[in-house]
């Protein structure tokens, strides 16, 4: 799948660097799972997050939708979804932080080896 979003600088303001995402990303549990057969979703093993677990770390990334039957009646339950596009951006920011830390350590190692 491929998807995009409008991201043109001309349409944005108050552009600043994002805060560290290190602690959030470290706390997120990445799970293997499969959907139950009765859900009609594909039942092969997948990798991802569980909304209820992610909600404990990043509550703004989880939304709820009311479950309704075929006639539009409220079933009294909700299904949780994850805003993956924001999660991906948090992961990219964290990767950048990790890369910076690695580069600093590589510089220190090179200096030690040269000395």
PDB file of N, CA and C in Angstrom:
ATOM      1  N   UNK A   1       0.830  -1.178   0.000  1.00  0.00           N
ATOM      2  CA  UNK A   1       0.000   0.000   0.000  1.00  0.00           C
ATOM      3  C   UNK A   1       0.872   1.238   0.000  1.00  0.00           C
ATOM      4  N   UNK A   2       0.358   2.266  -0.556  1.00  0.00           N
ATOM      5  CA  UNK A   2       1.056   3.541  -0.587  1.00  0.00           C
ATOM      6  C   UNK A   2       0.031   4.632  -0.338  1.00  0.00           C
ATOM      7  N   UNK A   3       0.377   5.560   0.527  1.00  0.00           N
ATOM      8  CA  UNK A   3      -0.519   6.679   0.763  1.00  0.00           C
ATOM      9  C   UNK A   3       0.301   7.918   1.041  1.00  0.00           C
ATOM     10  N   UNK A   4      -0.281   9.040   0.815  1.00  0.00           N
ATOM     11  CA  UNK A   4       0.425  10.291   1.017  1.00  0.00           C
ATOM     12  C   UNK A   4      -0.447  11.282   1.758  1.00  0.00           C
ATOM     13  N   UNK A   5       0.157  12.412   2.087  1.00  0.00           N
ATOM     14  CA  UNK A   5      -0.566  13.467   2.782  1.00  0.00           C
ATOM     15  C   UNK A   5       0.007  14.808   2.331  1.00  0.00           C
ATOM     16  N   UNK A   6      -0.813  15.811   2.328  1.00  0.00           N
ATOM     17  CA  UNK A   6      -0.341  17.147   1.988  1.00  0.00           C
ATOM     18  C   UNK A   6       0.687  17.572   3.032  1.00  0.00           C
ATOM     19  N   UNK A   7       1.834  18.032   2.544  1.00  0.00           N
ATOM     20  CA  UNK A   7       2.908  18.389   3.468  1.00  0.00           C
ATOM     21  C   UNK A   7       3.681  19.620   3.008  1.00  0.00           C
ATOM     22  N   UNK A   8       3.119  20.398   2.146  1.00  0.00           N
ATOM     23  CA  UNK A   8       3.800  21.553   1.565  1.00  0.00           C
ATOM     24  C   UNK A   8       4.071  22.622   2.617  1.00  0.00           C
ATOM     25  N   UNK A   9       5.309  23.082   2.660  1.00  0.00           N
ATOM     26  CA  UNK A   9       5.726  24.123   3.609  1.00  0.00           C
ATOM     27  C   UNK A   9       4.884  25.393   3.481  1.00  0.00           C
ATOM     28  N   UNK A  10       4.431  25.684   2.275  1.00  0.00           N
ATOM     29  CA  UNK A  10       3.636  26.899   2.056  1.00  0.00           C
ATOM     30  C   UNK A  10       2.328  26.885   2.837  1.00  0.00           C
ATOM     31  N   UNK A  11       1.876  25.719   3.234  1.00  0.00           N
ATOM     32  CA  UNK A  11       0.596  25.586   3.929  1.00  0.00           C
ATOM     33  C   UNK A  11       0.759  25.489   5.445  1.00  0.00           C
ATOM     34  N   UNK A  12       1.986  25.584   5.921  1.00  0.00           N
ATOM     35  CA  UNK A  12       2.251  25.354   7.342  1.00  0.00           C
ATOM     36  C   UNK A  12       2.876  26.577   7.994  1.00  0.00           C
ATOM     37  N   UNK A  13       2.745  26.641   9.315  1.00  0.00           N
ATOM     38  CA  UNK A  13       3.391  27.695  10.088  1.00  0.00           C
ATOM     39  C   UNK A  13       3.808  27.124  11.438  1.00  0.00           C
ATOM     40  N   UNK A  14       4.524  27.919  12.212  1.00  0.00           N
ATOM     41  CA  UNK A  14       5.006  27.494  13.530  1.00  0.00           C
ATOM     42  C   UNK A  14       5.810  26.198  13.436  1.00  0.00           C
ATOM     43  N   UNK A  15       6.673  26.098  12.436  1.00  0.00           N
ATOM     44  CA  UNK A  15       7.464  24.890  12.185  1.00  0.00           C
ATOM     45  C   UNK A  15       8.672  24.881  13.116  1.00  0.00           C
ATOM     46  N   UNK A  16       8.743  23.894  13.983  1.00  0.00           N
ATOM     47  CA  UNK A  16       9.874  23.712  14.905  1.00  0.00           C
ATOM     48  C   UNK A  16      10.205  22.221  14.968  1.00  0.00           C
ATOM     49  N   UNK A  17      11.403  21.901  15.454  1.00  0.00           N
ATOM     50  CA  UNK A  17      11.777  20.493  15.619  1.00  0.00           C
ATOM     51  C   UNK A  17      10.873  19.827  16.651  1.00  0.00           C
ATOM     52  N   UNK A  18      10.524  18.586  16.397  1.00  0.00           N
ATOM     53  CA  UNK A  18       9.711  17.814  17.343  1.00  0.00           C
ATOM     54  C   UNK A  18      10.534  17.467  18.571  1.00  0.00           C
ATOM     55  N   UNK A  19       9.866  17.318  19.689  1.00  0.00           N
ATOM     56  CA  UNK A  19      10.521  16.883  20.916  1.00  0.00           C
ATOM     57  C   UNK A  19      10.995  15.445  20.781  1.00  0.00           C
ATOM     58  N   UNK A  20      11.817  15.022  21.688  1.00  0.00           N
ATOM     59  CA  UNK A  20      12.307  13.647  21.698  1.00  0.00           C
ATOM     60  C   UNK A  20      11.143  12.661  21.769  1.00  0.00           C
ATOM     61  N   UNK A  21      11.259  11.599  21.024  1.00  0.00           N
ATOM     62  CA  UNK A  21      10.265  10.527  21.031  1.00  0.00           C
ATOM     63  C   UNK A  21      10.851   9.244  21.607  1.00  0.00           C
ATOM     64  N   UNK A  22      12.070   9.339  22.115  1.00  0.00           N
ATOM     65  CA  UNK A  22      12.834   8.183  22.583  1.00  0.00           C
ATOM     66  C   UNK A  22      12.063   7.361  23.625  1.00  0.00           C
ATOM     67  N   UNK A  23      11.596   8.008  24.668  1.00  0.00           N
ATOM     68  CA  UNK A  23      10.917   7.275  25.753  1.00  0.00           C
ATOM     69  C   UNK A  23       9.610   6.638  25.285  1.00  0.00           C
ATOM     70  N   UNK A  24       8.856   7.365  24.468  1.00  0.00           N
ATOM     71  CA  UNK A  24       7.606   6.802  23.952  1.00  0.00           C
ATOM     72  C   UNK A  24       7.879   5.548  23.126  1.00  0.00           C
ATOM     73  N   UNK A  25       8.795   5.658  22.186  1.00  0.00           N
ATOM     74  CA  UNK A  25       9.069   4.528  21.296  1.00  0.00           C
ATOM     75  C   UNK A  25       9.625   3.341  22.084  1.00  0.00           C
ATOM     76  N   UNK A  26      10.479   3.610  23.062  1.00  0.00           N
ATOM     77  CA  UNK A  26      11.005   2.513  23.890  1.00  0.00           C
ATOM     78  C   UNK A  26       9.901   1.793  24.650  1.00  0.00           C
ATOM     79  N   UNK A  27       8.868   2.514  25.043  1.00  0.00           N
ATOM     80  CA  UNK A  27       7.806   1.939  25.872  1.00  0.00           C
ATOM     81  C   UNK A  27       6.735   1.202  25.062  1.00  0.00           C
ATOM     82  N   UNK A  28       6.721   1.392  23.765  1.00  0.00           N
ATOM     83  CA  UNK A  28       5.691   0.753  22.939  1.00  0.00           C
ATOM     84  C   UNK A  28       6.028  -0.721  22.756  1.00  0.00           C
ATOM     85  N   UNK A  29       5.044  -1.569  22.986  1.00  0.00           N
ATOM     86  CA  UNK A  29       5.210  -3.006  22.791  1.00  0.00           C
ATOM     87  C   UNK A  29       4.829  -3.357  21.355  1.00  0.00           C
ATOM     88  N   UNK A  30       5.750  -3.979  20.650  1.00  0.00           N
ATOM     89  CA  UNK A  30       5.485  -4.475  19.299  1.00  0.00           C
ATOM     90  C   UNK A  30       5.179  -5.960  19.440  1.00  0.00           C
ATOM     91  N   UNK A  31       4.028  -6.365  18.928  1.00  0.00           N
ATOM     92  CA  UNK A  31       3.522  -7.721  19.154  1.00  0.00           C
ATOM     93  C   UNK A  31       3.341  -8.481  17.842  1.00  0.00           C
ATOM     94  N   UNK A  32       3.426  -9.789  17.920  1.00  0.00           N
ATOM     95  CA  UNK A  32       2.948 -10.676  16.861  1.00  0.00           C
ATOM     96  C   UNK A  32       1.565 -11.129  17.283  1.00  0.00           C
ATOM     97  N   UNK A  33       0.663 -11.248  16.324  1.00  0.00           N
ATOM     98  CA  UNK A  33      -0.718 -11.630  16.617  1.00  0.00           C
ATOM     99  C   UNK A  33      -1.384 -12.094  15.322  1.00  0.00           C
ATOM    100  N   UNK A  34      -2.557 -12.632  15.451  1.00  0.00           N
ATOM    101  CA  UNK A  34      -3.424 -12.861  14.296  1.00  0.00           C
ATOM    102  C   UNK A  34      -4.848 -12.516  14.701  1.00  0.00           C
ATOM    103  N   UNK A  35      -5.632 -12.115  13.723  1.00  0.00           N
ATOM    104  CA  UNK A  35      -7.033 -11.804  13.992  1.00  0.00           C
ATOM    105  C   UNK A  35      -7.821 -13.092  14.171  1.00  0.00           C
ATOM    106  N   UNK A  36      -8.820 -13.039  15.025  1.00  0.00           N
ATOM    107  CA  UNK A  36      -9.723 -14.167  15.227  1.00  0.00           C
ATOM    108  C   UNK A  36     -10.492 -14.415  13.934  1.00  0.00           C
ATOM    109  N   UNK A  37     -10.770 -15.684  13.633  1.00  0.00           N
ATOM    110  CA  UNK A  37     -11.453 -16.051  12.387  1.00  0.00           C
ATOM    111  C   UNK A  37     -12.804 -15.364  12.252  1.00  0.00           C
ATOM    112  N   UNK A  38     -13.533 -15.221  13.359  1.00  0.00           N
ATOM    113  CA  UNK A  38     -14.881 -14.642  13.276  1.00  0.00           C
ATOM    114  C   UNK A  38     -14.884 -13.145  12.948  1.00  0.00           C
ATOM    115  N   UNK A  39     -13.721 -12.503  12.938  1.00  0.00           N
ATOM    116  CA  UNK A  39     -13.663 -11.074  12.614  1.00  0.00           C
ATOM    117  C   UNK A  39     -13.749 -10.819  11.121  1.00  0.00           C
ATOM    118  N   UNK A  40     -13.505 -11.793  10.317  1.00  0.00           N
ATOM    119  CA  UNK A  40     -13.415 -11.730   8.856  1.00  0.00           C
ATOM    120  C   UNK A  40     -12.153 -11.022   8.358  1.00  0.00           C
ATOM    121  N   UNK A  41     -11.264 -10.621   9.267  1.00  0.00           N
ATOM    122  CA  UNK A  41      -9.963 -10.102   8.859  1.00  0.00           C
ATOM    123  C   UNK A  41      -9.041 -11.283   8.589  1.00  0.00           C
ATOM    124  N   UNK A  42      -8.004 -11.060   7.814  1.00  0.00           N
ATOM    125  CA  UNK A  42      -7.045 -12.109   7.492  1.00  0.00           C
ATOM    126  C   UNK A  42      -6.428 -12.662   8.778  1.00  0.00           C
ATOM    127  N   UNK A  43      -6.317 -13.982   8.870  1.00  0.00           N
ATOM    128  CA  UNK A  43      -5.882 -14.615  10.117  1.00  0.00           C
ATOM    129  C   UNK A  43      -4.398 -14.988  10.127  1.00  0.00           C
ATOM    130  N   UNK A  44      -3.641 -14.548   9.137  1.00  0.00           N
ATOM    131  CA  UNK A  44      -2.199 -14.850   9.147  1.00  0.00           C
ATOM    132  C   UNK A  44      -1.500 -14.062  10.262  1.00  0.00           C
ATOM    133  N   UNK A  45      -0.333 -14.525  10.675  1.00  0.00           N
ATOM    134  CA  UNK A  45       0.429 -13.853  11.735  1.00  0.00           C
ATOM    135  C   UNK A  45       0.912 -12.494  11.241  1.00  0.00           C
ATOM    136  N   UNK A  46       0.696 -11.489  12.068  1.00  0.00           N
ATOM    137  CA  UNK A  46       1.086 -10.129  11.730  1.00  0.00           C
ATOM    138  C   UNK A  46       1.941  -9.545  12.851  1.00  0.00           C
ATOM    139  N   UNK A  47       2.520  -8.396  12.574  1.00  0.00           N
ATOM    140  CA  UNK A  47       3.295  -7.668  13.581  1.00  0.00           C
ATOM    141  C   UNK A  47       2.696  -6.274  13.703  1.00  0.00           C
ATOM    142  N   UNK A  48       2.605  -5.782  14.937  1.00  0.00           N
ATOM    143  CA  UNK A  48       2.045  -4.450  15.136  1.00  0.00           C
ATOM    144  C   UNK A  48       1.826  -4.165  16.600  1.00  0.00           C
ATOM    145  N   UNK A  49       0.953  -3.223  16.851  1.00  0.00           N
ATOM    146  CA  UNK A  49       0.652  -2.809  18.222  1.00  0.00           C
ATOM    147  C   UNK A  49      -0.764  -3.217  18.586  1.00  0.00           C
ATOM    148  N   UNK A  50      -1.029  -3.233  19.875  1.00  0.00           N
ATOM    149  CA  UNK A  50      -2.365  -3.465  20.410  1.00  0.00           C
ATOM    150  C   UNK A  50      -2.849  -2.111  20.932  1.00  0.00           C
ATOM    151  N   UNK A  51      -3.990  -1.657  20.444  1.00  0.00           N
ATOM    152  CA  UNK A  51      -4.467  -0.305  20.766  1.00  0.00           C
ATOM    153  C   UNK A  51      -4.519  -0.048  22.268  1.00  0.00           C
ATOM    154  N   UNK A  52      -5.028  -1.002  23.038  1.00  0.00           N
ATOM    155  CA  UNK A  52      -5.155  -0.810  24.486  1.00  0.00           C
ATOM    156  C   UNK A  52      -3.783  -0.643  25.149  1.00  0.00           C
ATOM    157  N   UNK A  53      -2.766  -1.327  24.645  1.00  0.00           N
ATOM    158  CA  UNK A  53      -1.415  -1.184  25.197  1.00  0.00           C
ATOM    159  C   UNK A  53      -0.797   0.141  24.770  1.00  0.00           C
ATOM    160  N   UNK A  54      -0.963   0.507  23.496  1.00  0.00           N
ATOM    161  CA  UNK A  54      -0.425   1.768  22.997  1.00  0.00           C
ATOM    162  C   UNK A  54      -1.051   2.953  23.713  1.00  0.00           C
ATOM    163  N   UNK A  55      -2.323   2.828  24.033  1.00  0.00           N
ATOM    164  CA  UNK A  55      -3.075   3.895  24.707  1.00  0.00           C
ATOM    165  C   UNK A  55      -2.442   4.277  26.045  1.00  0.00           C
ATOM    166  N   UNK A  56      -1.798   3.336  26.706  1.00  0.00           N
ATOM    167  CA  UNK A  56      -1.140   3.611  27.986  1.00  0.00           C
ATOM    168  C   UNK A  56       0.089   4.499  27.812  1.00  0.00           C
ATOM    169  N   UNK A  57       0.728   4.419  26.650  1.00  0.00           N
ATOM    170  CA  UNK A  57       1.944   5.182  26.366  1.00  0.00           C
ATOM    171  C   UNK A  57       1.626   6.463  25.602  1.00  0.00           C
ATOM    172  N   UNK A  58       0.797   6.351  24.591  1.00  0.00           N
ATOM    173  CA  UNK A  58       0.479   7.466  23.689  1.00  0.00           C
ATOM    174  C   UNK A  58      -1.036   7.535  23.473  1.00  0.00           C
ATOM    175  N   UNK A  59      -1.777   8.018  24.453  1.00  0.00           N
ATOM    176  CA  UNK A  59      -3.238   7.988  24.347  1.00  0.00           C
ATOM    177  C   UNK A  59      -3.805   8.746  23.150  1.00  0.00           C
ATOM    178  N   UNK A  60      -3.116   9.767  22.673  1.00  0.00           N
ATOM    179  CA  UNK A  60      -3.636  10.552  21.550  1.00  0.00           C
ATOM    180  C   UNK A  60      -3.574   9.792  20.227  1.00  0.00           C
ATOM    181  N   UNK A  61      -2.860   8.681  20.192  1.00  0.00           N
ATOM    182  CA  UNK A  61      -2.755   7.898  18.964  1.00  0.00           C
ATOM    183  C   UNK A  61      -3.884   6.882  18.814  1.00  0.00           C
ATOM    184  N   UNK A  62      -4.727   6.769  19.828  1.00  0.00           N
ATOM    185  CA  UNK A  62      -5.800   5.777  19.815  1.00  0.00           C
ATOM    186  C   UNK A  62      -7.156   6.473  19.764  1.00  0.00           C
ATOM    187  N   UNK A  63      -7.996   6.006  18.856  1.00  0.00           N
ATOM    188  CA  UNK A  63      -9.358   6.520  18.754  1.00  0.00           C
ATOM    189  C   UNK A  63     -10.341   5.365  18.908  1.00  0.00           C
ATOM    190  N   UNK A  64     -11.576   5.717  19.232  1.00  0.00           N
ATOM    191  CA  UNK A  64     -12.624   4.719  19.405  1.00  0.00           C
ATOM    192  C   UNK A  64     -13.759   4.993  18.427  1.00  0.00           C
ATOM    193  N   UNK A  65     -14.328   3.919  17.898  1.00  0.00           N
ATOM    194  CA  UNK A  65     -15.539   4.048  17.087  1.00  0.00           C
ATOM    195  C   UNK A  65     -16.612   3.143  17.680  1.00  0.00           C
ATOM    196  N   UNK A  66     -17.807   3.643  17.700  1.00  0.00           N
ATOM    197  CA  UNK A  66     -18.934   2.903  18.264  1.00  0.00           C
ATOM    198  C   UNK A  66     -19.274   1.717  17.371  1.00  0.00           C
ATOM    199  N   UNK A  67     -19.440   0.552  17.975  1.00  0.00           N
ATOM    200  CA  UNK A  67     -19.832  -0.647  17.234  1.00  0.00           C
ATOM    201  C   UNK A  67     -21.341  -0.621  16.999  1.00  0.00           C
ATOM    202  N   UNK A  68     -21.735  -0.835  15.756  1.00  0.00           N
ATOM    203  CA  UNK A  68     -23.161  -0.864  15.411  1.00  0.00           C
ATOM    204  C   UNK A  68     -23.468  -2.134  14.618  1.00  0.00           C
ATOM    205  N   UNK A  69     -24.705  -2.572  14.696  1.00  0.00           N
ATOM    206  CA  UNK A  69     -25.111  -3.749  13.930  1.00  0.00           C
ATOM    207  C   UNK A  69     -25.551  -3.327  12.526  1.00  0.00           C
ATOM    208  N   UNK A  70     -26.026  -4.287  11.745  1.00  0.00           N
ATOM    209  CA  UNK A  70     -26.412  -4.013  10.350  1.00  0.00           C
ATOM    210  C   UNK A  70     -27.565  -3.033  10.217  1.00  0.00           C
ATOM    211  N   UNK A  71     -28.348  -2.888  11.276  1.00  0.00           N
ATOM    212  CA  UNK A  71     -29.474  -1.944  11.245  1.00  0.00           C
ATOM    213  C   UNK A  71     -29.091  -0.578  11.804  1.00  0.00           C
ATOM    214  N   UNK A  72     -27.838  -0.409  12.187  1.00  0.00           N
ATOM    215  CA  UNK A  72     -27.390   0.868  12.723  1.00  0.00           C
ATOM    216  C   UNK A  72     -27.605   1.035  14.210  1.00  0.00           C
ATOM    217  N   UNK A  73     -27.928  -0.043  14.912  1.00  0.00           N
ATOM    218  CA  UNK A  73     -28.136   0.020  16.353  1.00  0.00           C
ATOM    219  C   UNK A  73     -26.801  -0.038  17.096  1.00  0.00           C
ATOM    220  N   UNK A  74     -26.657   0.806  18.093  1.00  0.00           N
ATOM    221  CA  UNK A  74     -25.468   0.828  18.937  1.00  0.00           C
ATOM    222  C   UNK A  74     -25.397  -0.468  19.734  1.00  0.00           C
ATOM    223  N   UNK A  75     -24.263  -1.167  19.633  1.00  0.00           N
ATOM    224  CA  UNK A  75     -24.097  -2.440  20.335  1.00  0.00           C
ATOM    225  C   UNK A  75     -23.582  -2.259  21.764  1.00  0.00           C
ATOM    226  N   UNK A  76     -23.273  -1.022  22.148  1.00  0.00           N
ATOM    227  CA  UNK A  76     -22.804  -0.765  23.501  1.00  0.00           C
ATOM    228  C   UNK A  76     -21.323  -1.046  23.698  1.00  0.00           C
ATOM    229  N   UNK A  77     -20.603  -1.263  22.596  1.00  0.00           N
ATOM    230  CA  UNK A  77     -19.161  -1.492  22.663  1.00  0.00           C
ATOM    231  C   UNK A  77     -18.464  -0.548  21.694  1.00  0.00           C
ATOM    232  N   UNK A  78     -17.162  -0.455  21.822  1.00  0.00           N
ATOM    233  CA  UNK A  78     -16.361   0.349  20.901  1.00  0.00           C
ATOM    234  C   UNK A  78     -15.194  -0.483  20.386  1.00  0.00           C
ATOM    235  N   UNK A  79     -14.701  -0.122  19.218  1.00  0.00           N
ATOM    236  CA  UNK A  79     -13.492  -0.725  18.664  1.00  0.00           C
ATOM    237  C   UNK A  79     -12.435   0.362  18.584  1.00  0.00           C
ATOM    238  N   UNK A  80     -11.245   0.037  19.055  1.00  0.00           N
ATOM    239  CA  UNK A  80     -10.153   1.013  19.085  1.00  0.00           C
ATOM    240  C   UNK A  80      -9.302   0.896  17.831  1.00  0.00           C
ATOM    241  N   UNK A  81      -8.854   2.040  17.329  1.00  0.00           N
ATOM    242  CA  UNK A  81      -7.982   2.118  16.158  1.00  0.00           C
ATOM    243  C   UNK A  81      -6.746   2.934  16.510  1.00  0.00           C
ATOM    244  N   UNK A  82      -5.695   2.749  15.726  1.00  0.00           N
ATOM    245  CA  UNK A  82      -4.424   3.427  15.961  1.00  0.00           C
ATOM    246  C   UNK A  82      -4.114   4.344  14.790  1.00  0.00           C
ATOM    247  N   UNK A  83      -3.680   5.558  15.085  1.00  0.00           N
ATOM    248  CA  UNK A  83      -3.241   6.501  14.063  1.00  0.00           C
ATOM    249  C   UNK A  83      -1.801   6.139  13.691  1.00  0.00           C
ATOM    250  N   UNK A  84      -1.666   5.235  12.728  1.00  0.00           N
ATOM    251  CA  UNK A  84      -0.347   4.725  12.362  1.00  0.00           C
ATOM    252  C   UNK A  84       0.545   5.789  11.741  1.00  0.00           C
ATOM    253  N   UNK A  85      -0.033   6.738  11.012  1.00  0.00           N
ATOM    254  CA  UNK A  85       0.809   7.747  10.370  1.00  0.00           C
ATOM    255  C   UNK A  85       1.571   8.581  11.402  1.00  0.00           C
ATOM    256  N   UNK A  86       0.950   8.892  12.524  1.00  0.00           N
ATOM    257  CA  UNK A  86       1.649   9.638  13.580  1.00  0.00           C
ATOM    258  C   UNK A  86       2.659   8.731  14.277  1.00  0.00           C
ATOM    259  N   UNK A  87       2.287   7.483  14.503  1.00  0.00           N
ATOM    260  CA  UNK A  87       3.222   6.528  15.106  1.00  0.00           C
ATOM    261  C   UNK A  87       4.470   6.395  14.249  1.00  0.00           C
ATOM    262  N   UNK A  88       4.309   6.340  12.937  1.00  0.00           N
ATOM    263  CA  UNK A  88       5.461   6.241  12.041  1.00  0.00           C
ATOM    264  C   UNK A  88       6.360   7.470  12.165  1.00  0.00           C
ATOM    265  N   UNK A  89       5.767   8.647  12.251  1.00  0.00           N
ATOM    266  CA  UNK A  89       6.573   9.864  12.379  1.00  0.00           C
ATOM    267  C   UNK A  89       7.338   9.878  13.701  1.00  0.00           C
ATOM    268  N   UNK A  90       6.702   9.397  14.770  1.00  0.00           N
ATOM    269  CA  UNK A  90       7.387   9.300  16.057  1.00  0.00           C
ATOM    270  C   UNK A  90       8.578   8.348  15.932  1.00  0.00           C
ATOM    271  N   UNK A  91       8.393   7.259  15.199  1.00  0.00           N
ATOM    272  CA  UNK A  91       9.467   6.278  15.027  1.00  0.00           C
ATOM    273  C   UNK A  91      10.616   6.869  14.208  1.00  0.00           C
ATOM    274  N   UNK A  92      10.301   7.650  13.171  1.00  0.00           N
ATOM    275  CA  UNK A  92      11.344   8.285  12.376  1.00  0.00           C
ATOM    276  C   UNK A  92      12.145   9.256  13.237  1.00  0.00           C
ATOM    277  N   UNK A  93      11.462  10.053  14.053  1.00  0.00           N
ATOM    278  CA  UNK A  93      12.151  10.994  14.946  1.00  0.00           C
ATOM    279  C   UNK A  93      13.073  10.231  15.889  1.00  0.00           C
ATOM    280  N   UNK A  94      12.596   9.131  16.440  1.00  0.00           N
ATOM    281  CA  UNK A  94      13.408   8.324  17.351  1.00  0.00           C
ATOM    282  C   UNK A  94      14.608   7.723  16.618  1.00  0.00           C
ATOM    283  N   UNK A  95      14.420   7.281  15.396  1.00  0.00           N
ATOM    284  CA  UNK A  95      15.527   6.752  14.607  1.00  0.00           C
ATOM    285  C   UNK A  95      16.582   7.827  14.387  1.00  0.00           C
ATOM    286  N   UNK A  96      16.158   9.045  14.118  1.00  0.00           N
ATOM    287  CA  UNK A  96      17.115  10.144  13.962  1.00  0.00           C
ATOM    288  C   UNK A  96      17.901  10.363  15.243  1.00  0.00           C
ATOM    289  N   UNK A  97      17.222  10.295  16.379  1.00  0.00           N
ATOM    290  CA  UNK A  97      17.907  10.437  17.667  1.00  0.00           C
ATOM    291  C   UNK A  97      18.929   9.317  17.857  1.00  0.00           C
ATOM    292  N   UNK A  98      18.550   8.090  17.520  1.00  0.00           N
ATOM    293  CA  UNK A  98      19.460   6.955  17.667  1.00  0.00           C
ATOM    294  C   UNK A  98      20.668   7.114  16.748  1.00  0.00           C
ATOM    295  N   UNK A  99      20.429   7.586  15.520  1.00  0.00           N
ATOM    296  CA  UNK A  99      21.527   7.795  14.587  1.00  0.00           C
ATOM    297  C   UNK A  99      22.515   8.833  15.121  1.00  0.00           C
ATOM    298  N   UNK A 100      22.009   9.899  15.716  1.00  0.00           N
ATOM    299  CA  UNK A 100      22.876  10.926  16.290  1.00  0.00           C
ATOM    300  C   UNK A 100      23.717  10.339  17.425  1.00  0.00           C
ATOM    301  N   UNK A 101      23.086   9.538  18.293  1.00  0.00           N
ATOM    302  CA  UNK A 101      23.826   8.906  19.387  1.00  0.00           C
ATOM    303  C   UNK A 101      24.901   7.963  18.852  1.00  0.00           C
ATOM    304  N   UNK A 102      24.578   7.205  17.821  1.00  0.00           N
ATOM    305  CA  UNK A 102      25.556   6.287  17.227  1.00  0.00           C
ATOM    306  C   UNK A 102      26.725   7.059  16.642  1.00  0.00           C
ATOM    307  N   UNK A 103      26.444   8.143  15.941  1.00  0.00           N
ATOM    308  CA  UNK A 103      27.510   8.944  15.337  1.00  0.00           C
ATOM    309  C   UNK A 103      28.440   9.523  16.398  1.00  0.00           C
ATOM    310  N   UNK A 104      27.878   9.974  17.509  1.00  0.00           N
ATOM    311  CA  UNK A 104      28.699  10.499  18.607  1.00  0.00           C
ATOM    312  C   UNK A 104      29.587   9.393  19.162  1.00  0.00           C
ATOM    313  N   UNK A 105      29.018   8.218  19.377  1.00  0.00           N
ATOM    314  CA  UNK A 105      29.799   7.094  19.896  1.00  0.00           C
ATOM    315  C   UNK A 105      30.880   6.653  18.913  1.00  0.00           C
ATOM    316  N   UNK A 106      30.566   6.658  17.623  1.00  0.00           N
ATOM    317  CA  UNK A 106      31.566   6.298  16.619  1.00  0.00           C
ATOM    318  C   UNK A 106      32.737   7.278  16.634  1.00  0.00           C
ATOM    319  N   UNK A 107      32.440   8.551  16.800  1.00  0.00           N
ATOM    320  CA  UNK A 107      33.491   9.566  16.871  1.00  0.00           C
ATOM    321  C   UNK A 107      34.377   9.340  18.084  1.00  0.00           C
ATOM    322  N   UNK A 108      33.735   9.030  19.232  1.00  0.00           N
ATOM    323  CA  UNK A 108      34.498   8.770  20.460  1.00  0.00           C
ATOM    324  C   UNK A 108      35.365   7.511  20.319  1.00  0.00           C
ATOM    325  N   UNK A 109      34.823   6.468  19.724  1.00  0.00           N
ATOM    326  CA  UNK A 109      35.585   5.228  19.519  1.00  0.00           C
ATOM    327  C   UNK A 109      36.772   5.479  18.598  1.00  0.00           C
ATOM    328  N   UNK A 110      36.534   6.221  17.520  1.00  0.00           N
ATOM    329  CA  UNK A 110      37.617   6.528  16.576  1.00  0.00           C
ATOM    330  C   UNK A 110      38.730   7.311  17.268  1.00  0.00           C
ATOM    331  N   UNK A 111      38.357   8.260  18.136  1.00  0.00           N
ATOM    332  CA  UNK A 111      39.351   9.058  18.862  1.00  0.00           C
ATOM    333  C   UNK A 111      40.132   8.184  19.824  1.00  0.00           C
ATOM    334  N   UNK A 112      39.473   7.267  20.493  1.00  0.00           N
ATOM    335  CA  UNK A 112      40.155   6.338  21.413  1.00  0.00           C
ATOM    336  C   UNK A 112      41.104   5.405  20.685  1.00  0.00           C
ATOM    337  N   UNK A 113      40.646   4.905  19.537  1.00  0.00           N
ATOM    338  CA  UNK A 113      41.486   4.009  18.747  1.00  0.00           C
ATOM    339  C   UNK A 113      42.693   4.723  18.177  1.00  0.00           C
ATOM    340  N   UNK A 114      42.539   6.000  17.840  1.00  0.00           N
ATOM    341  CA  UNK A 114      43.645   6.768  17.267  1.00  0.00           C
ATOM    342  C   UNK A 114      44.661   7.161  18.348  1.00  0.00           C
ATOM    343  N   UNK A 115      44.187   7.223  19.593  1.00  0.00           N
ATOM    344  CA  UNK A 115      45.047   7.674  20.685  1.00  0.00           C
ATOM    345  C   UNK A 115      45.790   6.578  21.258  1.00  0.00           C
TER     346      UNK A 115
END
